[in-house]
């Protein structure tokens, strides 16, 4: 997986800065940004998953109460 990301970094750097960088510099950039924002991305993904499951649970509860009260949609 990281190998493909390294190629994307190399390509991005060439396209945007018209400069070739080596693999070590590209790997260092990737490692730096993962260290810098990795926890924030991970935590946001957890929050997004939690929100999704809360929404799903809310819908399931509505269906449950519809059945419990004998109502049908």
PDB file of N, CA and C in Angstrom:
ATOM      1  N   UNK A   1       0.823  -1.190   0.000  1.00  0.00           N
ATOM      2  CA  UNK A   1       0.000   0.000   0.000  1.00  0.00           C
ATOM      3  C   UNK A   1       0.863   1.248   0.000  1.00  0.00           C
ATOM      4  N   UNK A   2       1.836   1.313   0.893  1.00  0.00           N
ATOM      5  CA  UNK A   2       2.658   2.526   0.995  1.00  0.00           C
ATOM      6  C   UNK A   2       3.431   2.778  -0.289  1.00  0.00           C
ATOM      7  N   UNK A   3       3.813   1.715  -0.985  1.00  0.00           N
ATOM      8  CA  UNK A   3       4.574   1.877  -2.213  1.00  0.00           C
ATOM      9  C   UNK A   3       3.797   2.686  -3.246  1.00  0.00           C
ATOM     10  N   UNK A   4       2.513   2.423  -3.373  1.00  0.00           N
ATOM     11  CA  UNK A   4       1.669   3.195  -4.285  1.00  0.00           C
ATOM     12  C   UNK A   4       1.534   4.638  -3.841  1.00  0.00           C
ATOM     13  N   UNK A   5       1.459   4.855  -2.541  1.00  0.00           N
ATOM     14  CA  UNK A   5       1.365   6.216  -2.010  1.00  0.00           C
ATOM     15  C   UNK A   5       2.661   6.981  -2.270  1.00  0.00           C
ATOM     16  N   UNK A   6       3.792   6.287  -2.176  1.00  0.00           N
ATOM     17  CA  UNK A   6       5.086   6.921  -2.450  1.00  0.00           C
ATOM     18  C   UNK A   6       5.129   7.379  -3.905  1.00  0.00           C
ATOM     19  N   UNK A   7       4.660   6.531  -4.809  1.00  0.00           N
ATOM     20  CA  UNK A   7       4.617   6.923  -6.230  1.00  0.00           C
ATOM     21  C   UNK A   7       3.722   8.137  -6.435  1.00  0.00           C
ATOM     22  N   UNK A   8       2.608   8.195  -5.714  1.00  0.00           N
ATOM     23  CA  UNK A   8       1.715   9.341  -5.831  1.00  0.00           C
ATOM     24  C   UNK A   8       2.377  10.608  -5.313  1.00  0.00           C
ATOM     25  N   UNK A   9       3.129  10.489  -4.241  1.00  0.00           N
ATOM     26  CA  UNK A   9       3.857  11.651  -3.719  1.00  0.00           C
ATOM     27  C   UNK A   9       4.895  12.115  -4.724  1.00  0.00           C
ATOM     28  N   UNK A  10       5.631  11.178  -5.308  1.00  0.00           N
ATOM     29  CA  UNK A  10       6.635  11.531  -6.320  1.00  0.00           C
ATOM     30  C   UNK A  10       5.977  12.262  -7.491  1.00  0.00           C
ATOM     31  N   UNK A  11       4.862  11.739  -7.955  1.00  0.00           N
ATOM     32  CA  UNK A  11       4.136  12.343  -9.072  1.00  0.00           C
ATOM     33  C   UNK A  11       3.603  13.729  -8.692  1.00  0.00           C
ATOM     34  N   UNK A  12       2.999  13.828  -7.515  1.00  0.00           N
ATOM     35  CA  UNK A  12       2.459  15.108  -7.041  1.00  0.00           C
ATOM     36  C   UNK A  12       3.555  16.165  -6.982  1.00  0.00           C
ATOM     37  N   UNK A  13       4.690  15.798  -6.436  1.00  0.00           N
ATOM     38  CA  UNK A  13       5.784  16.750  -6.284  1.00  0.00           C
ATOM     39  C   UNK A  13       6.282  17.208  -7.656  1.00  0.00           C
ATOM     40  N   UNK A  14       6.373  16.279  -8.594  1.00  0.00           N
ATOM     41  CA  UNK A  14       6.824  16.621  -9.945  1.00  0.00           C
ATOM     42  C   UNK A  14       5.816  17.533 -10.639  1.00  0.00           C
ATOM     43  N   UNK A  15       4.543  17.205 -10.528  1.00  0.00           N
ATOM     44  CA  UNK A  15       3.503  17.982 -11.192  1.00  0.00           C
ATOM     45  C   UNK A  15       3.334  19.373 -10.597  1.00  0.00           C
ATOM     46  N   UNK A  16       3.415  19.493  -9.278  1.00  0.00           N
ATOM     47  CA  UNK A  16       3.128  20.756  -8.619  1.00  0.00           C
ATOM     48  C   UNK A  16       4.332  21.643  -8.397  1.00  0.00           C
ATOM     49  N   UNK A  17       5.497  21.039  -8.264  1.00  0.00           N
ATOM     50  CA  UNK A  17       6.693  21.821  -7.979  1.00  0.00           C
ATOM     51  C   UNK A  17       7.765  21.682  -9.061  1.00  0.00           C
ATOM     52  N   UNK A  18       7.443  20.868 -10.092  1.00  0.00           N
ATOM     53  CA  UNK A  18       8.365  20.647 -11.205  1.00  0.00           C
ATOM     54  C   UNK A  18       9.756  20.248 -10.702  1.00  0.00           C
ATOM     55  N   UNK A  19       9.749  19.359  -9.713  1.00  0.00           N
ATOM     56  CA  UNK A  19      10.995  18.919  -9.110  1.00  0.00           C
ATOM     57  C   UNK A  19      10.893  17.436  -8.788  1.00  0.00           C
ATOM     58  N   UNK A  20      11.917  16.709  -9.122  1.00  0.00           N
ATOM     59  CA  UNK A  20      11.972  15.299  -8.756  1.00  0.00           C
ATOM     60  C   UNK A  20      12.555  15.177  -7.357  1.00  0.00           C
ATOM     61  N   UNK A  21      11.925  14.348  -6.555  1.00  0.00           N
ATOM     62  CA  UNK A  21      12.488  14.039  -5.240  1.00  0.00           C
ATOM     63  C   UNK A  21      12.740  12.539  -5.204  1.00  0.00           C
ATOM     64  N   UNK A  22      13.597  12.106  -4.353  1.00  0.00           N
ATOM     65  CA  UNK A  22      13.914  10.687  -4.249  1.00  0.00           C
ATOM     66  C   UNK A  22      12.929   9.937  -3.370  1.00  0.00           C
ATOM     67  N   UNK A  23      13.094   8.625  -3.386  1.00  0.00           N
ATOM     68  CA  UNK A  23      12.216   7.771  -2.592  1.00  0.00           C
ATOM     69  C   UNK A  23      12.340   8.055  -1.103  1.00  0.00           C
ATOM     70  N   UNK A  24      13.556   8.293  -0.640  1.00  0.00           N
ATOM     71  CA  UNK A  24      13.744   8.542   0.791  1.00  0.00           C
ATOM     72  C   UNK A  24      13.024   9.818   1.213  1.00  0.00           C
ATOM     73  N   UNK A  25      13.122  10.866   0.411  1.00  0.00           N
ATOM     74  CA  UNK A  25      12.432  12.115   0.738  1.00  0.00           C
ATOM     75  C   UNK A  25      10.913  11.910   0.694  1.00  0.00           C
ATOM     76  N   UNK A  26      10.431  11.175  -0.289  1.00  0.00           N
ATOM     77  CA  UNK A  26       8.992  10.921  -0.388  1.00  0.00           C
ATOM     78  C   UNK A  26       8.510  10.096   0.805  1.00  0.00           C
ATOM     79  N   UNK A  27       9.268   9.084   1.197  1.00  0.00           N
ATOM     80  CA  UNK A  27       8.901   8.278   2.357  1.00  0.00           C
ATOM     81  C   UNK A  27       8.942   9.114   3.636  1.00  0.00           C
ATOM     82  N   UNK A  28       9.908   9.991   3.733  1.00  0.00           N
ATOM     83  CA  UNK A  28      10.014  10.861   4.902  1.00  0.00           C
ATOM     84  C   UNK A  28       8.815  11.801   4.979  1.00  0.00           C
ATOM     85  N   UNK A  29       8.410  12.353   3.835  1.00  0.00           N
ATOM     86  CA  UNK A  29       7.218  13.211   3.806  1.00  0.00           C
ATOM     87  C   UNK A  29       5.973  12.445   4.239  1.00  0.00           C
ATOM     88  N   UNK A  30       5.813  11.242   3.710  1.00  0.00           N
ATOM     89  CA  UNK A  30       4.655  10.429   4.077  1.00  0.00           C
ATOM     90  C   UNK A  30       4.656  10.129   5.570  1.00  0.00           C
ATOM     91  N   UNK A  31       5.796   9.699   6.083  1.00  0.00           N
ATOM     92  CA  UNK A  31       5.898   9.403   7.517  1.00  0.00           C
ATOM     93  C   UNK A  31       5.590  10.633   8.361  1.00  0.00           C
ATOM     94  N   UNK A  32       6.087  11.778   7.941  1.00  0.00           N
ATOM     95  CA  UNK A  32       5.854  13.017   8.677  1.00  0.00           C
ATOM     96  C   UNK A  32       4.364  13.363   8.727  1.00  0.00           C
ATOM     97  N   UNK A  33       3.706  13.296   7.582  1.00  0.00           N
ATOM     98  CA  UNK A  33       2.289  13.652   7.560  1.00  0.00           C
ATOM     99  C   UNK A  33       1.429  12.629   8.288  1.00  0.00           C
ATOM    100  N   UNK A  34       1.811  11.370   8.238  1.00  0.00           N
ATOM    101  CA  UNK A  34       1.079  10.364   9.014  1.00  0.00           C
ATOM    102  C   UNK A  34       1.220  10.663  10.501  1.00  0.00           C
ATOM    103  N   UNK A  35       2.444  10.986  10.922  1.00  0.00           N
ATOM    104  CA  UNK A  35       2.672  11.333  12.327  1.00  0.00           C
ATOM    105  C   UNK A  35       1.913  12.602  12.705  1.00  0.00           C
ATOM    106  N   UNK A  36       1.899  13.568  11.807  1.00  0.00           N
ATOM    107  CA  UNK A  36       1.285  14.862  12.076  1.00  0.00           C
ATOM    108  C   UNK A  36      -0.233  14.783  12.188  1.00  0.00           C
ATOM    109  N   UNK A  37      -0.877  14.082  11.263  1.00  0.00           N
ATOM    110  CA  UNK A  37      -2.346  14.103  11.211  1.00  0.00           C
ATOM    111  C   UNK A  37      -2.988  12.730  11.345  1.00  0.00           C
ATOM    112  N   UNK A  38      -2.188  11.689  11.510  1.00  0.00           N
ATOM    113  CA  UNK A  38      -2.733  10.337  11.574  1.00  0.00           C
ATOM    114  C   UNK A  38      -3.765  10.143  12.670  1.00  0.00           C
ATOM    115  N   UNK A  39      -3.455  10.625  13.880  1.00  0.00           N
ATOM    116  CA  UNK A  39      -4.396  10.463  14.990  1.00  0.00           C
ATOM    117  C   UNK A  39      -5.694  11.213  14.739  1.00  0.00           C
ATOM    118  N   UNK A  40      -5.598  12.402  14.154  1.00  0.00           N
ATOM    119  CA  UNK A  40      -6.811  13.179  13.862  1.00  0.00           C
ATOM    120  C   UNK A  40      -7.690  12.462  12.848  1.00  0.00           C
ATOM    121  N   UNK A  41      -7.085  11.899  11.822  1.00  0.00           N
ATOM    122  CA  UNK A  41      -7.851  11.173  10.806  1.00  0.00           C
ATOM    123  C   UNK A  41      -8.493   9.932  11.417  1.00  0.00           C
ATOM    124  N   UNK A  42      -7.729   9.211  12.216  1.00  0.00           N
ATOM    125  CA  UNK A  42      -8.242   8.010  12.879  1.00  0.00           C
ATOM    126  C   UNK A  42      -9.426   8.353  13.775  1.00  0.00           C
ATOM    127  N   UNK A  43      -9.274   9.387  14.599  1.00  0.00           N
ATOM    128  CA  UNK A  43     -10.350   9.778  15.510  1.00  0.00           C
ATOM    129  C   UNK A  43     -11.576  10.265  14.753  1.00  0.00           C
ATOM    130  N   UNK A  44     -11.376  10.985  13.655  1.00  0.00           N
ATOM    131  CA  UNK A  44     -12.514  11.431  12.854  1.00  0.00           C
ATOM    132  C   UNK A  44     -13.240  10.239  12.245  1.00  0.00           C
ATOM    133  N   UNK A  45     -12.495   9.236  11.819  1.00  0.00           N
ATOM    134  CA  UNK A  45     -13.121   8.025  11.276  1.00  0.00           C
ATOM    135  C   UNK A  45     -13.959   7.333  12.345  1.00  0.00           C
ATOM    136  N   UNK A  46     -13.448   7.276  13.578  1.00  0.00           N
ATOM    137  CA  UNK A  46     -14.237   6.691  14.664  1.00  0.00           C
ATOM    138  C   UNK A  46     -15.508   7.487  14.913  1.00  0.00           C
ATOM    139  N   UNK A  47     -15.392   8.816  14.921  1.00  0.00           N
ATOM    140  CA  UNK A  47     -16.580   9.660  15.120  1.00  0.00           C
ATOM    141  C   UNK A  47     -17.586   9.466  13.996  1.00  0.00           C
ATOM    142  N   UNK A  48     -17.103   9.384  12.760  1.00  0.00           N
ATOM    143  CA  UNK A  48     -17.993   9.169  11.621  1.00  0.00           C
ATOM    144  C   UNK A  48     -18.707   7.825  11.733  1.00  0.00           C
ATOM    145  N   UNK A  49     -17.973   6.785  12.121  1.00  0.00           N
ATOM    146  CA  UNK A  49     -18.576   5.456  12.281  1.00  0.00           C
ATOM    147  C   UNK A  49     -19.616   5.480  13.399  1.00  0.00           C
ATOM    148  N   UNK A  50     -19.293   6.142  14.504  1.00  0.00           N
ATOM    149  CA  UNK A  50     -20.233   6.243  15.623  1.00  0.00           C
ATOM    150  C   UNK A  50     -21.514   6.951  15.192  1.00  0.00           C
ATOM    151  N   UNK A  51     -21.374   8.057  14.466  1.00  0.00           N
ATOM    152  CA  UNK A  51     -22.551   8.779  13.980  1.00  0.00           C
ATOM    153  C   UNK A  51     -23.397   7.913  13.068  1.00  0.00           C
ATOM    154  N   UNK A  52     -22.743   7.163  12.203  1.00  0.00           N
ATOM    155  CA  UNK A  52     -23.460   6.280  11.288  1.00  0.00           C
ATOM    156  C   UNK A  52     -24.251   5.227  12.063  1.00  0.00           C
ATOM    157  N   UNK A  53     -23.598   4.600  13.040  1.00  0.00           N
ATOM    158  CA  UNK A  53     -24.280   3.551  13.793  1.00  0.00           C
ATOM    159  C   UNK A  53     -25.387   4.114  14.683  1.00  0.00           C
ATOM    160  N   UNK A  54     -25.195   5.318  15.203  1.00  0.00           N
ATOM    161  CA  UNK A  54     -26.274   5.950  15.985  1.00  0.00           C
ATOM    162  C   UNK A  54     -27.496   6.198  15.108  1.00  0.00           C
ATOM    163  N   UNK A  55     -27.259   6.642  13.875  1.00  0.00           N
ATOM    164  CA  UNK A  55     -28.364   6.873  12.952  1.00  0.00           C
ATOM    165  C   UNK A  55     -29.078   5.560  12.636  1.00  0.00           C
ATOM    166  N   UNK A  56     -28.291   4.518  12.377  1.00  0.00           N
ATOM    167  CA  UNK A  56     -28.876   3.216  12.079  1.00  0.00           C
ATOM    168  C   UNK A  56     -29.675   2.694  13.268  1.00  0.00           C
ATOM    169  N   UNK A  57     -29.120   2.861  14.467  1.00  0.00           N
ATOM    170  CA  UNK A  57     -29.822   2.412  15.664  1.00  0.00           C
ATOM    171  C   UNK A  57     -31.131   3.170  15.840  1.00  0.00           C
ATOM    172  N   UNK A  58     -31.098   4.478  15.569  1.00  0.00           N
ATOM    173  CA  UNK A  58     -32.326   5.266  15.665  1.00  0.00           C
ATOM    174  C   UNK A  58     -33.401   4.753  14.724  1.00  0.00           C
ATOM    175  N   UNK A  59     -33.004   4.403  13.504  1.00  0.00           N
ATOM    176  CA  UNK A  59     -33.963   3.872  12.538  1.00  0.00           C
ATOM    177  C   UNK A  59     -34.497   2.518  12.985  1.00  0.00           C
ATOM    178  N   UNK A  60     -33.629   1.696  13.526  1.00  0.00           N
ATOM    179  CA  UNK A  60     -34.067   0.381  14.017  1.00  0.00           C
ATOM    180  C   UNK A  60     -35.056   0.561  15.165  1.00  0.00           C
ATOM    181  N   UNK A  61     -34.786   1.520  16.046  1.00  0.00           N
ATOM    182  CA  UNK A  61     -35.699   1.763  17.152  1.00  0.00           C
ATOM    183  C   UNK A  61     -37.065   2.236  16.654  1.00  0.00           C
ATOM    184  N   UNK A  62     -37.080   3.064  15.617  1.00  0.00           N
ATOM    185  CA  UNK A  62     -38.362   3.502  15.063  1.00  0.00           C
ATOM    186  C   UNK A  62     -39.151   2.313  14.534  1.00  0.00           C
ATOM    187  N   UNK A  63     -38.491   1.422  13.822  1.00  0.00           N
ATOM    188  CA  UNK A  63     -39.176   0.235  13.307  1.00  0.00           C
ATOM    189  C   UNK A  63     -39.673  -0.640  14.453  1.00  0.00           C
ATOM    190  N   UNK A  64     -38.864  -0.764  15.476  1.00  0.00           N
ATOM    191  CA  UNK A  64     -39.257  -1.555  16.634  1.00  0.00           C
ATOM    192  C   UNK A  64     -40.526  -0.982  17.261  1.00  0.00           C
ATOM    193  N   UNK A  65     -40.540   0.321  17.491  1.00  0.00           N
ATOM    194  CA  UNK A  65     -41.717   0.925  18.123  1.00  0.00           C
ATOM    195  C   UNK A  65     -42.932   0.871  17.210  1.00  0.00           C
ATOM    196  N   UNK A  66     -42.717   0.927  15.911  1.00  0.00           N
ATOM    197  CA  UNK A  66     -43.845   0.747  14.997  1.00  0.00           C
ATOM    198  C   UNK A  66     -44.457  -0.642  15.191  1.00  0.00           C
ATOM    199  N   UNK A  67     -43.607  -1.635  15.324  1.00  0.00           N
ATOM    200  CA  UNK A  67     -44.111  -3.007  15.534  1.00  0.00           C
ATOM    201  C   UNK A  67     -44.719  -3.151  16.919  1.00  0.00           C
ATOM    202  N   UNK A  68     -44.091  -2.591  17.922  1.00  0.00           N
ATOM    203  CA  UNK A  68     -44.547  -2.713  19.297  1.00  0.00           C
ATOM    204  C   UNK A  68     -45.933  -2.117  19.464  1.00  0.00           C
ATOM    205  N   UNK A  69     -46.185  -1.028  18.811  1.00  0.00           N
ATOM    206  CA  UNK A  69     -47.486  -0.356  18.919  1.00  0.00           C
ATOM    207  C   UNK A  69     -48.481  -0.895  17.907  1.00  0.00           C
ATOM    208  N   UNK A  70     -48.035  -1.809  17.082  1.00  0.00           N
ATOM    209  CA  UNK A  70     -48.908  -2.376  16.088  1.00  0.00           C
ATOM    210  C   UNK A  70     -49.082  -1.523  14.861  1.00  0.00           C
ATOM    211  N   UNK A  71     -48.283  -0.475  14.739  1.00  0.00           N
ATOM    212  CA  UNK A  71     -48.372   0.387  13.571  1.00  0.00           C
ATOM    213  C   UNK A  71     -47.568  -0.200  12.418  1.00  0.00           C
ATOM    214  N   UNK A  72     -48.028   0.081  11.211  1.00  0.00           N
ATOM    215  CA  UNK A  72     -47.300  -0.359  10.015  1.00  0.00           C
ATOM    216  C   UNK A  72     -47.055   0.833   9.139  1.00  0.00           C
ATOM    217  N   UNK A  73     -45.962   0.776   8.418  1.00  0.00           N
ATOM    218  CA  UNK A  73     -45.641   1.862   7.485  1.00  0.00           C
ATOM    219  C   UNK A  73     -46.117   1.527   6.118  1.00  0.00           C
TER     220      UNK A  73
END
